[in-house]
Amino acid sequence: MDSVAKLLEQKVSKSITLDASEATKTYSIFTVTGIVKILSLWAVVTTVLSANHTDCHLIVADDAADVDLSLATGLTLSAAPVGSLLIRNAAAAAALGYHSPAAAFLSETALDLVVKEFIVGKKTAQTTAIKFSHTTSDAPSSGAIVWYATWVPLSATGKLTAA
């Protein structure tokens, strides 16, 4: 990353509490204004997740359509413990990366975030957001995840904020 982009780099975070009940639910994480370049996107489980969390993935959504940011059927987070790491470390056709704190881990893949950057632009007259989606058979599901992103603006109005 060049030195000007490094000066513009910003970080944002958003905590979500999972509360779907025998359903698929989508949670807004970040709202996009203008055009932004996402440099990294990851999350940490802060409250253990309940027994059934499947099809966990990220999407970019406006008020009319969704675009997958990761494989929609790719990750199961059932009973993920506190300290679990979720990370977007591959192209949209792949599942989110996951590491459990049940054992120490070293992930060189997680360090490759620089090559997994992506650009998101707001749709005119629509709300555009990055969202987390999952399916559960729990009634209700529970757990909490804090999402983080580093980003730079690519337009005069470019901004990424907690939803």
N, C-alpha and C. Protein backbone atom coordinates (compact mmCIF):
# COMPACT_ATOMS: atom_id res chain seq x y z
N MET A 1 0.85 -1.17 0.00
CA MET A 1 0.00 0.00 0.00
C MET A 1 0.90 1.23 0.00
N ASP A 2 0.56 2.22 -0.83
CA ASP A 2 1.39 3.41 -0.87
C ASP A 2 1.18 4.25 0.40
N SER A 3 2.11 5.21 0.62
CA SER A 3 2.08 5.96 1.87
C SER A 3 0.84 6.86 2.00
N VAL A 4 0.31 7.38 0.87
CA VAL A 4 -0.89 8.21 0.94
C VAL A 4 -2.08 7.37 1.38
N ALA A 5 -2.22 6.18 0.78
CA ALA A 5 -3.33 5.29 1.17
C ALA A 5 -3.20 4.91 2.64
N LYS A 6 -1.98 4.66 3.11
CA LYS A 6 -1.78 4.29 4.51
C LYS A 6 -2.25 5.41 5.44
N LEU A 7 -2.02 6.66 5.05
CA LEU A 7 -2.48 7.79 5.85
C LEU A 7 -4.00 7.88 5.90
N LEU A 8 -4.67 7.43 4.85
CA LEU A 8 -6.13 7.49 4.79
C LEU A 8 -6.81 6.29 5.44
N GLU A 9 -6.05 5.23 5.74
CA GLU A 9 -6.63 4.00 6.27
C GLU A 9 -7.37 4.27 7.59
N GLN A 10 -8.56 3.69 7.66
CA GLN A 10 -9.39 3.83 8.86
C GLN A 10 -9.89 2.46 9.30
N LYS A 11 -10.31 2.38 10.56
CA LYS A 11 -10.82 1.13 11.12
C LYS A 11 -12.20 1.38 11.71
N VAL A 12 -13.10 0.42 11.52
CA VAL A 12 -14.44 0.51 12.07
C VAL A 12 -14.81 -0.85 12.66
N SER A 13 -15.67 -0.85 13.67
CA SER A 13 -16.10 -2.13 14.25
C SER A 13 -17.59 -2.07 14.56
N LYS A 14 -18.18 -3.27 14.65
CA LYS A 14 -19.61 -3.37 14.97
C LYS A 14 -19.85 -4.71 15.66
N SER A 15 -20.52 -4.67 16.81
CA SER A 15 -20.89 -5.88 17.54
C SER A 15 -22.31 -6.27 17.15
N ILE A 16 -22.51 -7.57 16.89
CA ILE A 16 -23.86 -8.07 16.63
C ILE A 16 -24.17 -9.20 17.60
N THR A 17 -25.43 -9.27 18.00
CA THR A 17 -25.92 -10.35 18.85
C THR A 17 -26.83 -11.23 18.00
N LEU A 18 -26.51 -12.51 17.91
CA LEU A 18 -27.30 -13.43 17.11
C LEU A 18 -28.57 -13.80 17.87
N ASP A 19 -29.72 -13.64 17.20
CA ASP A 19 -30.99 -13.88 17.87
C ASP A 19 -32.06 -14.47 16.96
N ALA A 20 -31.64 -15.05 15.83
CA ALA A 20 -32.62 -15.67 14.93
C ALA A 20 -33.27 -16.86 15.64
N SER A 21 -34.49 -17.17 15.26
CA SER A 21 -35.21 -18.29 15.85
C SER A 21 -35.74 -19.20 14.75
N GLU A 22 -35.07 -20.35 14.59
CA GLU A 22 -35.46 -21.34 13.59
C GLU A 22 -35.65 -20.70 12.22
N ALA A 23 -34.64 -19.92 11.79
CA ALA A 23 -34.78 -19.18 10.54
C ALA A 23 -33.41 -18.75 10.02
N THR A 24 -33.42 -18.16 8.85
CA THR A 24 -32.25 -17.47 8.31
C THR A 24 -32.41 -16.00 8.63
N LYS A 25 -31.34 -15.38 9.12
CA LYS A 25 -31.39 -13.96 9.46
C LYS A 25 -30.13 -13.28 8.98
N THR A 26 -30.30 -12.03 8.56
CA THR A 26 -29.20 -11.21 8.10
C THR A 26 -29.07 -10.00 9.03
N TYR A 27 -27.83 -9.68 9.42
CA TYR A 27 -27.54 -8.60 10.35
C TYR A 27 -26.70 -7.55 9.64
N SER A 28 -27.10 -6.30 9.67
CA SER A 28 -26.30 -5.23 9.07
C SER A 28 -25.07 -4.98 9.93
N ILE A 29 -23.93 -4.93 9.28
CA ILE A 29 -22.67 -4.69 10.00
C ILE A 29 -22.16 -3.29 9.70
N PHE A 30 -21.94 -3.02 8.42
CA PHE A 30 -21.38 -1.73 8.01
C PHE A 30 -22.22 -1.12 6.89
N THR A 31 -22.33 0.21 6.90
CA THR A 31 -23.02 0.95 5.86
C THR A 31 -21.97 1.63 4.98
N VAL A 32 -22.19 1.55 3.67
CA VAL A 32 -21.27 2.12 2.69
C VAL A 32 -21.84 3.43 2.14
N THR A 33 -21.01 4.44 2.10
CA THR A 33 -21.33 5.71 1.45
C THR A 33 -20.26 5.96 0.40
N GLY A 34 -20.64 6.40 -0.78
CA GLY A 34 -19.66 6.64 -1.83
C GLY A 34 -19.00 5.35 -2.25
N ILE A 35 -17.69 5.41 -2.47
CA ILE A 35 -16.91 4.22 -2.87
C ILE A 35 -15.77 4.05 -1.87
N VAL A 36 -15.61 2.82 -1.37
CA VAL A 36 -14.53 2.52 -0.43
C VAL A 36 -13.80 1.25 -0.86
N LYS A 37 -12.56 1.18 -0.47
CA LYS A 37 -11.75 -0.03 -0.67
C LYS A 37 -11.60 -0.67 0.70
N ILE A 38 -12.10 -1.88 0.83
CA ILE A 38 -11.98 -2.63 2.08
C ILE A 38 -10.63 -3.34 2.06
N LEU A 39 -9.78 -3.02 3.01
CA LEU A 39 -8.43 -3.60 3.07
C LEU A 39 -8.44 -4.92 3.83
N SER A 40 -9.29 -5.03 4.84
CA SER A 40 -9.39 -6.27 5.61
C SER A 40 -10.74 -6.31 6.31
N LEU A 41 -11.25 -7.53 6.49
CA LEU A 41 -12.56 -7.73 7.11
C LEU A 41 -12.49 -9.00 7.94
N TRP A 42 -12.71 -8.87 9.26
CA TRP A 42 -12.61 -10.02 10.15
C TRP A 42 -13.52 -9.84 11.34
N ALA A 43 -13.69 -10.92 12.12
CA ALA A 43 -14.55 -10.86 13.30
C ALA A 43 -13.99 -11.78 14.38
N VAL A 44 -14.40 -11.49 15.62
CA VAL A 44 -14.04 -12.31 16.78
C VAL A 44 -15.32 -12.61 17.56
N VAL A 45 -15.52 -13.88 17.90
CA VAL A 45 -16.66 -14.27 18.72
C VAL A 45 -16.40 -13.80 20.14
N THR A 46 -17.36 -13.05 20.71
CA THR A 46 -17.19 -12.51 22.07
C THR A 46 -18.12 -13.16 23.09
N THR A 47 -19.16 -13.83 22.62
CA THR A 47 -20.03 -14.65 23.47
C THR A 47 -20.27 -15.95 22.72
N VAL A 48 -20.03 -17.08 23.37
CA VAL A 48 -20.13 -18.38 22.69
C VAL A 48 -21.44 -18.47 21.89
N LEU A 49 -21.34 -19.03 20.68
CA LEU A 49 -22.53 -19.17 19.83
C LEU A 49 -23.31 -20.42 20.24
N SER A 50 -24.62 -20.36 20.09
CA SER A 50 -25.46 -21.51 20.42
C SER A 50 -25.21 -22.67 19.46
N ALA A 51 -25.91 -23.77 19.67
CA ALA A 51 -25.59 -25.05 19.05
C ALA A 51 -25.68 -25.12 17.53
N ASN A 52 -26.52 -24.30 16.89
CA ASN A 52 -26.73 -24.48 15.46
C ASN A 52 -26.64 -23.17 14.69
N HIS A 53 -25.52 -22.99 13.98
CA HIS A 53 -25.30 -21.83 13.11
C HIS A 53 -24.67 -22.33 11.82
N THR A 54 -25.44 -22.36 10.74
CA THR A 54 -24.94 -22.87 9.46
C THR A 54 -25.08 -21.78 8.39
N ASP A 55 -24.50 -22.07 7.23
CA ASP A 55 -24.58 -21.15 6.08
C ASP A 55 -24.15 -19.73 6.45
N CYS A 56 -23.12 -19.61 7.28
CA CYS A 56 -22.64 -18.30 7.72
C CYS A 56 -21.83 -17.66 6.59
N HIS A 57 -22.23 -16.46 6.22
CA HIS A 57 -21.51 -15.79 5.13
C HIS A 57 -21.77 -14.28 5.16
N LEU A 58 -21.01 -13.57 4.33
CA LEU A 58 -21.13 -12.12 4.20
C LEU A 58 -21.74 -11.77 2.86
N ILE A 59 -22.49 -10.67 2.84
CA ILE A 59 -23.07 -10.17 1.61
C ILE A 59 -22.93 -8.65 1.54
N VAL A 60 -22.98 -8.13 0.33
CA VAL A 60 -23.16 -6.70 0.12
C VAL A 60 -24.60 -6.57 -0.33
N ALA A 61 -25.36 -5.71 0.33
CA ALA A 61 -26.78 -5.60 0.04
C ALA A 61 -27.17 -4.14 -0.14
N ASP A 62 -28.02 -3.90 -1.14
CA ASP A 62 -28.69 -2.61 -1.22
C ASP A 62 -30.16 -2.91 -0.97
N ASP A 63 -31.01 -1.97 -1.13
CA ASP A 63 -32.42 -2.21 -0.81
C ASP A 63 -33.10 -3.14 -1.81
N ALA A 64 -32.41 -3.49 -2.91
CA ALA A 64 -33.04 -4.30 -3.96
C ALA A 64 -32.36 -5.64 -4.22
N ALA A 65 -31.06 -5.77 -3.92
CA ALA A 65 -30.36 -7.00 -4.30
C ALA A 65 -29.20 -7.28 -3.35
N ASP A 66 -28.78 -8.55 -3.32
CA ASP A 66 -27.64 -8.99 -2.52
C ASP A 66 -26.57 -9.57 -3.43
N VAL A 67 -25.31 -9.34 -3.06
CA VAL A 67 -24.17 -9.95 -3.75
C VAL A 67 -23.33 -10.63 -2.67
N ASP A 68 -23.04 -11.92 -2.86
CA ASP A 68 -22.26 -12.65 -1.86
C ASP A 68 -20.82 -12.15 -1.81
N LEU A 69 -20.32 -11.94 -0.59
CA LEU A 69 -18.91 -11.61 -0.35
C LEU A 69 -18.14 -12.86 0.04
N SER A 70 -18.86 -13.92 0.39
CA SER A 70 -18.25 -15.21 0.71
C SER A 70 -19.28 -16.29 0.39
N LEU A 71 -18.83 -17.53 0.32
CA LEU A 71 -19.69 -18.65 -0.06
C LEU A 71 -20.88 -18.77 0.88
N ALA A 72 -22.08 -18.73 0.33
CA ALA A 72 -23.31 -18.72 1.12
C ALA A 72 -23.53 -20.00 1.91
N THR A 73 -22.98 -21.11 1.46
CA THR A 73 -23.17 -22.39 2.15
C THR A 73 -21.87 -22.88 2.78
N GLY A 74 -20.93 -21.98 2.97
CA GLY A 74 -19.58 -22.42 3.24
C GLY A 74 -19.11 -22.58 4.66
N LEU A 75 -19.76 -22.01 5.66
CA LEU A 75 -19.18 -22.05 7.00
C LEU A 75 -20.23 -22.37 8.05
N THR A 76 -19.90 -23.33 8.91
CA THR A 76 -20.74 -23.67 10.06
C THR A 76 -20.02 -23.18 11.31
N LEU A 77 -20.74 -22.43 12.14
CA LEU A 77 -20.17 -21.88 13.36
C LEU A 77 -20.88 -22.39 14.60
N SER A 78 -21.48 -23.56 14.52
CA SER A 78 -22.22 -24.12 15.65
C SER A 78 -21.33 -24.23 16.88
N ALA A 79 -21.78 -23.64 17.97
CA ALA A 79 -21.08 -23.65 19.26
C ALA A 79 -19.67 -23.08 19.19
N ALA A 80 -19.44 -22.13 18.29
CA ALA A 80 -18.11 -21.50 18.19
C ALA A 80 -17.78 -20.82 19.51
N PRO A 81 -16.59 -21.11 20.06
CA PRO A 81 -16.24 -20.55 21.38
C PRO A 81 -15.78 -19.10 21.31
N VAL A 82 -15.78 -18.45 22.46
CA VAL A 82 -15.25 -17.10 22.59
C VAL A 82 -13.80 -17.11 22.09
N GLY A 83 -13.44 -16.10 21.32
CA GLY A 83 -12.08 -16.01 20.78
C GLY A 83 -11.94 -16.60 19.40
N SER A 84 -13.00 -17.19 18.86
CA SER A 84 -12.94 -17.72 17.50
C SER A 84 -12.74 -16.56 16.53
N LEU A 85 -11.95 -16.81 15.48
CA LEU A 85 -11.66 -15.81 14.47
C LEU A 85 -12.36 -16.16 13.16
N LEU A 86 -13.09 -15.22 12.60
CA LEU A 86 -13.67 -15.34 11.26
C LEU A 86 -12.96 -14.32 10.41
N ILE A 87 -12.62 -14.69 9.17
CA ILE A 87 -11.85 -13.76 8.36
C ILE A 87 -12.16 -13.94 6.88
N ARG A 88 -12.33 -12.83 6.19
CA ARG A 88 -12.52 -12.91 4.73
C ARG A 88 -11.12 -12.92 4.12
N ASN A 89 -10.63 -14.12 3.85
CA ASN A 89 -9.26 -14.28 3.36
C ASN A 89 -9.21 -14.98 2.01
N ALA A 90 -10.31 -14.95 1.28
CA ALA A 90 -10.36 -15.56 -0.05
C ALA A 90 -11.42 -14.84 -0.88
N ALA A 91 -11.49 -15.21 -2.14
CA ALA A 91 -12.46 -14.60 -3.05
C ALA A 91 -13.89 -14.95 -2.62
N ALA A 92 -14.86 -14.27 -3.21
CA ALA A 92 -16.26 -14.42 -2.84
C ALA A 92 -16.79 -15.84 -3.02
N ALA A 93 -16.18 -16.62 -3.88
CA ALA A 93 -16.64 -17.99 -4.11
C ALA A 93 -16.21 -18.95 -3.02
N ALA A 94 -15.42 -18.50 -2.06
CA ALA A 94 -14.91 -19.35 -0.98
C ALA A 94 -15.56 -18.99 0.35
N ALA A 95 -15.56 -19.96 1.25
CA ALA A 95 -16.09 -19.74 2.60
C ALA A 95 -15.18 -18.79 3.38
N LEU A 96 -15.75 -18.14 4.38
CA LEU A 96 -14.95 -17.35 5.31
C LEU A 96 -13.93 -18.25 5.98
N GLY A 97 -12.77 -17.70 6.32
CA GLY A 97 -11.80 -18.45 7.09
C GLY A 97 -12.26 -18.52 8.54
N TYR A 98 -11.90 -19.60 9.23
CA TYR A 98 -12.31 -19.78 10.62
C TYR A 98 -11.18 -20.44 11.40
N HIS A 99 -10.92 -19.92 12.59
CA HIS A 99 -9.94 -20.52 13.50
C HIS A 99 -10.55 -20.54 14.90
N SER A 100 -10.53 -21.71 15.53
CA SER A 100 -11.04 -21.86 16.89
C SER A 100 -9.90 -21.68 17.88
N PRO A 101 -10.18 -21.09 19.03
CA PRO A 101 -9.16 -20.96 20.06
C PRO A 101 -8.99 -22.24 20.89
N ALA A 102 -9.64 -23.33 20.47
CA ALA A 102 -9.50 -24.59 21.20
C ALA A 102 -8.05 -25.07 21.22
N ALA A 103 -7.27 -24.59 20.25
CA ALA A 103 -5.84 -24.86 20.21
C ALA A 103 -5.16 -23.63 19.63
N ALA A 104 -3.91 -23.43 19.96
CA ALA A 104 -3.18 -22.30 19.40
C ALA A 104 -3.17 -22.45 17.88
N PHE A 105 -3.13 -21.34 17.17
CA PHE A 105 -3.07 -21.44 15.73
C PHE A 105 -2.19 -20.35 15.14
N LEU A 106 -1.64 -20.68 14.00
CA LEU A 106 -0.89 -19.74 13.19
C LEU A 106 -1.50 -19.82 11.82
N SER A 107 -1.91 -18.70 11.28
CA SER A 107 -2.54 -18.71 9.97
C SER A 107 -1.81 -17.77 9.04
N GLU A 108 -1.01 -18.30 8.17
CA GLU A 108 -0.36 -17.47 7.17
C GLU A 108 -1.39 -16.99 6.16
N THR A 109 -2.47 -17.76 5.96
CA THR A 109 -3.55 -17.33 5.06
C THR A 109 -4.15 -16.02 5.56
N ALA A 110 -4.34 -15.90 6.86
CA ALA A 110 -4.92 -14.68 7.41
C ALA A 110 -4.04 -13.47 7.12
N LEU A 111 -2.75 -13.71 6.97
CA LEU A 111 -1.84 -12.61 6.69
C LEU A 111 -1.91 -12.16 5.24
N ASP A 112 -2.58 -12.93 4.39
CA ASP A 112 -2.69 -12.61 2.98
C ASP A 112 -3.87 -11.70 2.67
N LEU A 113 -4.38 -11.00 3.68
CA LEU A 113 -5.54 -10.12 3.47
C LEU A 113 -5.29 -9.06 2.42
N VAL A 114 -4.06 -8.61 2.28
CA VAL A 114 -3.75 -7.56 1.33
C VAL A 114 -4.21 -7.94 -0.07
N VAL A 115 -4.12 -9.21 -0.45
CA VAL A 115 -4.53 -9.62 -1.79
C VAL A 115 -6.02 -9.92 -1.86
N LYS A 116 -6.72 -9.80 -0.76
CA LYS A 116 -8.17 -10.06 -0.72
C LYS A 116 -8.96 -8.78 -0.57
N GLU A 117 -8.34 -7.66 -0.84
CA GLU A 117 -9.04 -6.38 -0.78
C GLU A 117 -10.18 -6.38 -1.80
N PHE A 118 -11.17 -5.54 -1.56
CA PHE A 118 -12.26 -5.41 -2.53
C PHE A 118 -12.83 -4.00 -2.44
N ILE A 119 -13.53 -3.62 -3.49
CA ILE A 119 -14.11 -2.28 -3.57
C ILE A 119 -15.63 -2.40 -3.52
N VAL A 120 -16.25 -1.50 -2.75
CA VAL A 120 -17.71 -1.47 -2.63
C VAL A 120 -18.17 -0.04 -2.91
N GLY A 121 -19.22 0.08 -3.71
CA GLY A 121 -19.79 1.39 -4.00
C GLY A 121 -21.27 1.42 -3.63
N LYS A 122 -21.71 2.54 -3.10
CA LYS A 122 -23.11 2.72 -2.71
C LYS A 122 -23.99 2.83 -3.95
N LYS A 123 -25.12 2.16 -3.93
CA LYS A 123 -26.10 2.29 -5.00
C LYS A 123 -26.87 3.60 -4.82
N THR A 124 -27.04 4.33 -5.91
CA THR A 124 -27.75 5.62 -5.87
C THR A 124 -29.14 5.46 -5.26
N ALA A 125 -29.47 6.34 -4.34
CA ALA A 125 -30.79 6.40 -3.69
C ALA A 125 -31.17 5.12 -2.94
N GLN A 126 -30.19 4.32 -2.57
CA GLN A 126 -30.44 3.09 -1.82
C GLN A 126 -29.46 3.03 -0.65
N THR A 127 -29.81 2.28 0.38
CA THR A 127 -28.87 1.99 1.46
C THR A 127 -28.04 0.78 1.03
N THR A 128 -26.73 0.91 1.09
CA THR A 128 -25.84 -0.19 0.74
C THR A 128 -25.09 -0.59 2.00
N ALA A 129 -25.09 -1.89 2.29
CA ALA A 129 -24.49 -2.35 3.54
C ALA A 129 -23.75 -3.67 3.34
N ILE A 130 -22.80 -3.91 4.21
CA ILE A 130 -22.16 -5.23 4.33
C ILE A 130 -22.87 -5.91 5.48
N LYS A 131 -23.33 -7.15 5.22
CA LYS A 131 -24.15 -7.86 6.21
C LYS A 131 -23.63 -9.27 6.44
N PHE A 132 -23.95 -9.80 7.62
CA PHE A 132 -23.65 -11.19 8.00
C PHE A 132 -24.96 -11.96 8.00
N SER A 133 -24.96 -13.14 7.39
CA SER A 133 -26.16 -13.96 7.34
C SER A 133 -25.85 -15.36 7.86
N HIS A 134 -26.85 -15.97 8.53
CA HIS A 134 -26.71 -17.34 8.99
C HIS A 134 -28.09 -17.98 9.09
N THR A 135 -28.09 -19.30 9.16
CA THR A 135 -29.32 -20.06 9.34
C THR A 135 -29.18 -20.85 10.64
N THR A 136 -30.28 -20.97 11.36
CA THR A 136 -30.25 -21.70 12.62
C THR A 136 -31.54 -22.48 12.83
N SER A 137 -31.41 -23.60 13.55
CA SER A 137 -32.60 -24.33 14.00
C SER A 137 -32.82 -24.08 15.50
N ASP A 138 -31.93 -23.29 16.10
CA ASP A 138 -32.09 -22.93 17.51
C ASP A 138 -33.30 -22.02 17.68
N ALA A 139 -33.93 -22.11 18.84
CA ALA A 139 -35.12 -21.29 19.10
C ALA A 139 -35.02 -20.63 20.47
N PRO A 140 -34.42 -19.49 20.60
CA PRO A 140 -33.69 -18.72 19.59
C PRO A 140 -32.20 -19.04 19.62
N SER A 141 -31.49 -18.54 18.62
CA SER A 141 -30.03 -18.66 18.62
C SER A 141 -29.45 -17.61 19.56
N SER A 142 -28.19 -17.77 19.90
CA SER A 142 -27.54 -16.78 20.77
C SER A 142 -26.06 -16.73 20.47
N GLY A 143 -25.44 -15.70 21.00
CA GLY A 143 -24.01 -15.49 20.81
C GLY A 143 -23.76 -14.09 20.31
N ALA A 144 -22.50 -13.66 20.35
CA ALA A 144 -22.15 -12.33 19.89
C ALA A 144 -20.83 -12.37 19.13
N ILE A 145 -20.75 -11.51 18.13
CA ILE A 145 -19.58 -11.42 17.26
C ILE A 145 -19.27 -9.93 17.07
N VAL A 146 -18.00 -9.56 17.17
CA VAL A 146 -17.58 -8.21 16.84
C VAL A 146 -16.87 -8.26 15.49
N TRP A 147 -17.37 -7.48 14.54
CA TRP A 147 -16.80 -7.38 13.19
C TRP A 147 -15.91 -6.15 13.11
N TYR A 148 -14.80 -6.27 12.37
CA TYR A 148 -13.86 -5.19 12.17
C TYR A 148 -13.56 -5.06 10.68
N ALA A 149 -13.28 -3.85 10.24
CA ALA A 149 -12.85 -3.62 8.87
C ALA A 149 -11.85 -2.47 8.85
N THR A 150 -10.85 -2.60 8.00
CA THR A 150 -9.99 -1.46 7.70
C THR A 150 -10.31 -1.07 6.27
N TRP A 151 -10.30 0.24 6.01
CA TRP A 151 -10.74 0.72 4.71
C TRP A 151 -10.13 2.07 4.38
N VAL A 152 -10.20 2.41 3.09
CA VAL A 152 -9.81 3.74 2.64
C VAL A 152 -10.90 4.26 1.69
N PRO A 153 -11.15 5.57 1.68
CA PRO A 153 -12.12 6.13 0.74
C PRO A 153 -11.52 6.19 -0.66
N LEU A 154 -12.35 5.90 -1.66
CA LEU A 154 -11.91 6.04 -3.05
C LEU A 154 -12.66 7.16 -3.77
N SER A 155 -13.66 7.71 -3.11
CA SER A 155 -14.38 8.86 -3.67
C SER A 155 -14.46 9.93 -2.58
N ALA A 156 -14.83 11.12 -2.99
CA ALA A 156 -14.93 12.23 -2.03
C ALA A 156 -15.90 11.94 -0.90
N THR A 157 -16.93 11.13 -1.18
CA THR A 157 -17.92 10.79 -0.15
C THR A 157 -17.70 9.40 0.44
N GLY A 158 -16.61 8.74 0.07
CA GLY A 158 -16.37 7.37 0.51
C GLY A 158 -16.24 7.25 2.02
N LYS A 159 -17.07 6.36 2.59
CA LYS A 159 -17.05 6.16 4.04
C LYS A 159 -17.65 4.80 4.38
N LEU A 160 -17.13 4.15 5.40
CA LEU A 160 -17.67 2.90 5.92
C LEU A 160 -17.95 3.13 7.40
N THR A 161 -19.21 2.96 7.82
CA THR A 161 -19.59 3.21 9.20
C THR A 161 -20.29 2.00 9.78
N ALA A 162 -20.31 1.89 11.09
CA ALA A 162 -21.07 0.82 11.76
C ALA A 162 -22.54 1.04 11.47
N ALA A 163 -23.22 -0.04 11.10
CA ALA A 163 -24.65 0.06 10.76
C ALA A 163 -25.49 0.17 12.02
